[in-house]
PDB file of all heavy atoms in Angstrom:
ATOM      1  N   ILE A   1      98.249 101.529 102.504  1.00  0.00           N
ATOM      2  CA  ILE A   1      97.140 102.474 102.343  1.00  0.00           C
ATOM      3  C   ILE A   1      97.252 103.042 100.938  1.00  0.00           C
ATOM      4  O   ILE A   1      98.210 103.755 100.612  1.00  0.00           O
ATOM      5  CB  ILE A   1      97.189 103.583 103.410  1.00  0.00           C
ATOM      6  CG1 ILE A   1      97.021 102.976 104.798  1.00  0.00           C
ATOM      7  CG2 ILE A   1      96.128 104.633 103.130  1.00  0.00           C
ATOM      8  CD1 ILE A   1      97.097 103.985 105.920  1.00  0.00           C
ATOM      9  N   CYS A   2      96.285 102.709 100.088  1.00  0.00           N
ATOM     10  CA  CYS A   2      96.320 103.104  98.674  1.00  0.00           C
ATOM     11  C   CYS A   2      95.117 103.974  98.342  1.00  0.00           C
ATOM     12  O   CYS A   2      94.041 103.837  98.939  1.00  0.00           O
ATOM     13  CB  CYS A   2      96.317 101.859  97.779  1.00  0.00           C
ATOM     14  SG  CYS A   2      97.619 100.669  98.151  1.00  0.00           S
ATOM     15  N   ASP A   3      95.295 104.865  97.376  1.00  0.00           N
ATOM     16  CA  ASP A   3      94.186 105.692  96.906  1.00  0.00           C
ATOM     17  C   ASP A   3      94.338 105.935  95.407  1.00  0.00           C
ATOM     18  O   ASP A   3      95.416 105.736  94.834  1.00  0.00           O
ATOM     19  CB  ASP A   3      94.113 107.016  97.681  1.00  0.00           C
ATOM     20  CG  ASP A   3      95.304 107.917  97.428  1.00  0.00           C
ATOM     21  OD1 ASP A   3      95.423 108.456  96.311  1.00  0.00           O
ATOM     22  OD2 ASP A   3      96.148 108.074  98.348  1.00  0.00           O
ATOM     23  N   ASN A   4      93.242 106.362  94.787  1.00  0.00           N
ATOM     24  CA  ASN A   4      93.262 106.644  93.354  1.00  0.00           C
ATOM     25  C   ASN A   4      93.267 108.150  93.088  1.00  0.00           C
ATOM     26  O   ASN A   4      92.649 108.625  92.134  1.00  0.00           O
ATOM     27  CB  ASN A   4      92.087 105.973  92.653  1.00  0.00           C
ATOM     28  CG  ASN A   4      90.736 106.495  93.149  1.00  0.00           C
ATOM     29  OD1 ASN A   4      90.663 107.112  94.211  1.00  0.00           O
ATOM     30  ND2 ASN A   4      89.671 106.253  92.396  1.00  0.00           N
ATOM     31  N   GLY A   5      93.964 108.873  93.946  1.00  0.00           N
ATOM     32  CA  GLY A   5      94.087 110.321  93.778  1.00  0.00           C
ATOM     33  C   GLY A   5      95.072 110.687  92.692  1.00  0.00           C
ATOM     34  O   GLY A   5      95.434 109.859  91.842  1.00  0.00           O
ATOM     35  N   PRO A   6      95.576 111.920  92.704  1.00  0.00           N
ATOM     36  CA  PRO A   6      96.476 112.374  91.628  1.00  0.00           C
ATOM     37  C   PRO A   6      97.871 111.770  91.707  1.00  0.00           C
ATOM     38  O   PRO A   6      98.645 111.899  90.762  1.00  0.00           O
ATOM     39  CB  PRO A   6      96.525 113.897  91.845  1.00  0.00           C
ATOM     40  CG  PRO A   6      96.242 114.075  93.307  1.00  0.00           C
ATOM     41  CD  PRO A   6      95.258 112.993  93.666  1.00  0.00           C
ATOM     42  N   GLY A   7      98.221 111.106  92.822  1.00  0.00           N
ATOM     43  CA  GLY A   7      99.557 110.529  92.952  1.00  0.00           C
ATOM     44  C   GLY A   7     100.580 111.550  93.421  1.00  0.00           C
ATOM     45  O   GLY A   7     100.268 112.727  93.631  1.00  0.00           O
ATOM     46  N   ILE A   8     101.802 111.094  93.594  1.00  0.00           N
ATOM     47  CA  ILE A   8     102.893 111.945  94.072  1.00  0.00           C
ATOM     48  C   ILE A   8     103.715 112.425  92.887  1.00  0.00           C
ATOM     49  O   ILE A   8     104.156 111.612  92.072  1.00  0.00           O
ATOM     50  CB  ILE A   8     103.812 111.170  95.051  1.00  0.00           C
ATOM     51  CG1 ILE A   8     102.981 110.575  96.199  1.00  0.00           C
ATOM     52  CG2 ILE A   8     104.906 112.077  95.585  1.00  0.00           C
ATOM     53  CD1 ILE A   8     102.296 111.579  97.069  1.00  0.00           C
ATOM     54  N   PRO A   9     103.936 113.731  92.756  1.00  0.00           N
ATOM     55  CA  PRO A   9     104.782 114.225  91.658  1.00  0.00           C
ATOM     56  C   PRO A   9     106.184 113.619  91.718  1.00  0.00           C
ATOM     57  O   PRO A   9     106.718 113.368  92.802  1.00  0.00           O
ATOM     58  CB  PRO A   9     104.823 115.743  91.901  1.00  0.00           C
ATOM     59  CG  PRO A   9     103.603 116.034  92.722  1.00  0.00           C
ATOM     60  CD  PRO A   9     103.380 114.823  93.566  1.00  0.00           C
ATOM     61  N   VAL A  10     106.753 113.390  90.556  1.00  0.00           N
ATOM     62  CA  VAL A  10     108.065 112.736  90.481  1.00  0.00           C
ATOM     63  C   VAL A  10     109.120 113.532  91.237  1.00  0.00           C
ATOM     64  O   VAL A  10     109.966 112.958  91.933  1.00  0.00           O
ATOM     65  CB  VAL A  10     108.475 112.553  89.006  1.00  0.00           C
ATOM     66  CG1 VAL A  10     109.881 111.964  88.918  1.00  0.00           C
ATOM     67  CG2 VAL A  10     107.482 111.660  88.288  1.00  0.00           C
ATOM     68  N   GLU A  11     109.076 114.855  91.144  1.00  0.00           N
ATOM     69  CA  GLU A  11     110.112 115.675  91.768  1.00  0.00           C
ATOM     70  C   GLU A  11     110.049 115.636  93.297  1.00  0.00           C
ATOM     71  O   GLU A  11     111.008 116.041  93.973  1.00  0.00           O
ATOM     72  CB  GLU A  11     110.018 117.118  91.280  1.00  0.00           C
ATOM     73  CG  GLU A  11     108.711 117.829  91.620  1.00  0.00           C
ATOM     74  CD  GLU A  11     107.617 117.604  90.586  1.00  0.00           C
ATOM     75  OE1 GLU A  11     107.814 116.733  89.711  1.00  0.00           O
ATOM     76  OE2 GLU A  11     106.594 118.291  90.636  1.00  0.00           O
ATOM     77  N   GLN A  12     108.940 115.161  93.866  1.00  0.00           N
ATOM     78  CA  GLN A  12     108.815 115.103  95.326  1.00  0.00           C
ATOM     79  C   GLN A  12     109.181 113.745  95.916  1.00  0.00           C
ATOM     80  O   GLN A  12     109.350 113.622  97.128  1.00  0.00           O
ATOM     81  CB  GLN A  12     107.379 115.449  95.742  1.00  0.00           C
ATOM     82  CG  GLN A  12     106.985 116.899  95.523  1.00  0.00           C
ATOM     83  CD  GLN A  12     105.610 117.207  96.082  1.00  0.00           C
ATOM     84  OE1 GLN A  12     105.011 116.388  96.772  1.00  0.00           O
ATOM     85  NE2 GLN A  12     105.095 118.406  95.777  1.00  0.00           N
ATOM     86  N   LYS A  13     109.300 112.714  95.084  1.00  0.00           N
ATOM     87  CA  LYS A  13     109.461 111.354  95.596  1.00  0.00           C
ATOM     88  C   LYS A  13     110.769 111.159  96.353  1.00  0.00           C
ATOM     89  O   LYS A  13     110.811 110.436  97.352  1.00  0.00           O
ATOM     90  CB  LYS A  13     109.370 110.349  94.447  1.00  0.00           C
ATOM     91  CG  LYS A  13     107.964 110.218  93.884  1.00  0.00           C
ATOM     92  CD  LYS A  13     107.891 109.150  92.811  1.00  0.00           C
ATOM     93  CE  LYS A  13     106.453 109.003  92.300  1.00  0.00           C
ATOM     94  NZ  LYS A  13     106.351 107.962  91.257  1.00  0.00           N
ATOM     95  N   ALA A  14     111.840 111.799  95.917  1.00  0.00           N
ATOM     96  CA  ALA A  14     113.144 111.577  96.554  1.00  0.00           C
ATOM     97  C   ALA A  14     113.149 112.074  98.001  1.00  0.00           C
ATOM     98  O   ALA A  14     113.753 111.451  98.875  1.00  0.00           O
ATOM     99  CB  ALA A  14     114.245 112.267  95.743  1.00  0.00           C
ATOM    100  N   ASP A  15     112.487 113.197  98.277  1.00  0.00           N
ATOM    101  CA  ASP A  15     112.500 113.795  99.615  1.00  0.00           C
ATOM    102  C   ASP A  15     111.122 113.738 100.269  1.00  0.00           C
ATOM    103  O   ASP A  15     110.783 114.586 101.099  1.00  0.00           O
ATOM    104  CB  ASP A  15     112.968 115.258  99.530  1.00  0.00           C
ATOM    105  CG  ASP A  15     114.350 115.383  98.933  1.00  0.00           C
ATOM    106  OD1 ASP A  15     115.196 114.545  99.258  1.00  0.00           O
ATOM    107  OD2 ASP A  15     114.567 116.312  98.142  1.00  0.00           O
ATOM    108  N   LEU A  16     110.337 112.724  99.919  1.00  0.00           N
ATOM    109  CA  LEU A  16     108.940 112.701 100.328  1.00  0.00           C
ATOM    110  C   LEU A  16     108.769 112.680 101.842  1.00  0.00           C
ATOM    111  O   LEU A  16     107.849 113.302 102.384  1.00  0.00           O
ATOM    112  CB  LEU A  16     108.264 111.465  99.715  1.00  0.00           C
ATOM    113  CG  LEU A  16     106.748 111.366  99.879  1.00  0.00           C
ATOM    114  CD1 LEU A  16     106.052 112.548  99.235  1.00  0.00           C
ATOM    115  CD2 LEU A  16     106.240 110.060  99.273  1.00  0.00           C
ATOM    116  N   PHE A  17     109.667 111.986 102.556  1.00  0.00           N
ATOM    117  CA  PHE A  17     109.520 111.826 104.001  1.00  0.00           C
ATOM    118  C   PHE A  17     110.364 112.826 104.795  1.00  0.00           C
ATOM    119  O   PHE A  17     110.525 112.669 105.996  1.00  0.00           O
ATOM    120  CB  PHE A  17     109.890 110.392 104.401  1.00  0.00           C
ATOM    121  CG  PHE A  17     108.945 109.361 103.853  1.00  0.00           C
ATOM    122  CD1 PHE A  17     109.229 108.682 102.691  1.00  0.00           C
ATOM    123  CD2 PHE A  17     107.743 109.099 104.499  1.00  0.00           C
ATOM    124  CE1 PHE A  17     108.361 107.739 102.183  1.00  0.00           C
ATOM    125  CE2 PHE A  17     106.855 108.145 104.001  1.00  0.00           C
ATOM    126  CZ  PHE A  17     107.169 107.475 102.828  1.00  0.00           C
ATOM    127  N   GLN A  18     110.900 113.843 104.109  1.00  0.00           N
ATOM    128  CA  GLN A  18     111.629 114.900 104.798  1.00  0.00           C
ATOM    129  C   GLN A  18     110.648 115.981 105.253  1.00  0.00           C
ATOM    130  O   GLN A  18     109.622 116.228 104.605  1.00  0.00           O
ATOM    131  CB  GLN A  18     112.686 115.513 103.869  1.00  0.00           C
ATOM    132  CG  GLN A  18     113.753 114.533 103.403  1.00  0.00           C
ATOM    133  CD  GLN A  18     114.623 114.057 104.534  1.00  0.00           C
ATOM    134  OE1 GLN A  18     114.903 114.797 105.469  1.00  0.00           O
ATOM    135  NE2 GLN A  18     115.055 112.807 104.460  1.00  0.00           N
ATOM    136  N   ALA A  19     110.987 116.642 106.362  1.00  0.00           N
ATOM    137  CA  ALA A  19     110.101 117.686 106.893  1.00  0.00           C
ATOM    138  C   ALA A  19     109.995 118.858 105.929  1.00  0.00           C
ATOM    139  O   ALA A  19     111.002 119.309 105.366  1.00  0.00           O
ATOM    140  CB  ALA A  19     110.629 118.169 108.247  1.00  0.00           C
ATOM    141  N   PHE A  20     108.778 119.323 105.717  1.00  0.00           N
ATOM    142  CA  PHE A  20     108.459 120.510 104.912  1.00  0.00           C
ATOM    143  C   PHE A  20     108.822 120.350 103.437  1.00  0.00           C
ATOM    144  O   PHE A  20     108.876 121.322 102.689  1.00  0.00           O
ATOM    145  CB  PHE A  20     109.156 121.770 105.464  1.00  0.00           C
ATOM    146  CG  PHE A  20     108.856 122.042 106.904  1.00  0.00           C
ATOM    147  CD1 PHE A  20     109.859 121.923 107.859  1.00  0.00           C
ATOM    148  CD2 PHE A  20     107.577 122.384 107.321  1.00  0.00           C
ATOM    149  CE1 PHE A  20     109.601 122.163 109.193  1.00  0.00           C
ATOM    150  CE2 PHE A  20     107.301 122.626 108.663  1.00  0.00           C
ATOM    151  CZ  PHE A  20     108.313 122.513 109.613  1.00  0.00           C
ATOM    152  N   LYS A  21     109.078 119.111 102.975  1.00  0.00           N
ATOM    153  CA  LYS A  21     109.423 118.894 101.570  1.00  0.00           C
ATOM    154  C   LYS A  21     108.174 118.703 100.717  1.00  0.00           C
ATOM    155  O   LYS A  21     108.179 118.974  99.530  1.00  0.00           O
ATOM    156  CB  LYS A  21     110.330 117.667 101.425  1.00  0.00           C
ATOM    157  CG  LYS A  21     111.713 117.851 102.023  1.00  0.00           C
ATOM    158  CD  LYS A  21     112.501 118.903 101.262  1.00  0.00           C
ATOM    159  CE  LYS A  21     113.914 119.023 101.808  1.00  0.00           C
ATOM    160  NZ  LYS A  21     114.704 120.016 101.056  1.00  0.00           N
ATOM    161  N   SER A  22     107.113 118.155 101.288  1.00  0.00           N
ATOM    162  CA  SER A  22     105.863 117.971 100.550  1.00  0.00           C
ATOM    163  C   SER A  22     104.730 118.497 101.409  1.00  0.00           C
ATOM    164  O   SER A  22     104.778 118.430 102.630  1.00  0.00           O
ATOM    165  CB  SER A  22     105.637 116.490 100.225  1.00  0.00           C
ATOM    166  OG  SER A  22     105.532 115.735 101.413  1.00  0.00           O
ATOM    167  N   ARG A  23     103.716 119.014 100.767  1.00  0.00           N
ATOM    168  CA  ARG A  23     102.616 119.618 101.543  1.00  0.00           C
ATOM    169  C   ARG A  23     101.302 119.388 100.791  1.00  0.00           C
ATOM    170  O   ARG A  23     101.151 119.790  99.642  1.00  0.00           O
ATOM    171  CB  ARG A  23     102.873 121.123 101.700  1.00  0.00           C
ATOM    172  CG  ARG A  23     101.894 121.798 102.663  1.00  0.00           C
ATOM    173  CD  ARG A  23     102.109 123.293 102.625  1.00  0.00           C
ATOM    174  NE  ARG A  23     103.440 123.671 103.064  1.00  0.00           N
ATOM    175  CZ  ARG A  23     103.771 123.939 104.325  1.00  0.00           C
ATOM    176  NH1 ARG A  23     102.861 123.841 105.259  1.00  0.00           N
ATOM    177  NH2 ARG A  23     105.001 124.292 104.630  1.00  0.00           N
ATOM    178  N   ARG A  24     100.375 118.698 101.468  1.00  0.00           N
ATOM    179  CA  ARG A  24      99.035 118.534 100.894  1.00  0.00           C
ATOM    180  C   ARG A  24      98.224 119.791 101.179  1.00  0.00           C
ATOM    181  O   ARG A  24      98.604 120.608 102.046  1.00  0.00           O
ATOM    182  CB  ARG A  24      98.365 117.313 101.496  1.00  0.00           C
ATOM    183  CG  ARG A  24      98.096 117.425 103.000  1.00  0.00           C
ATOM    184  CD  ARG A  24      97.262 116.257 103.475  1.00  0.00           C
ATOM    185  NE  ARG A  24      97.147 116.195 104.924  1.00  0.00           N
ATOM    186  CZ  ARG A  24      96.297 116.907 105.649  1.00  0.00           C
ATOM    187  NH1 ARG A  24      95.511 117.794 105.050  1.00  0.00           N
ATOM    188  NH2 ARG A  24      96.241 116.776 106.962  1.00  0.00           N
TER     189      ARG A  24
END
C-alpha cells in the first residue's frame, strides 16, 4: 500500500510499529 503523502519522518522509522510511537 503506497501513497504520495509526506512520508514517514526519519526519527520515527526505528519504532514505527511500536504502540504509541507514531500518531497520524
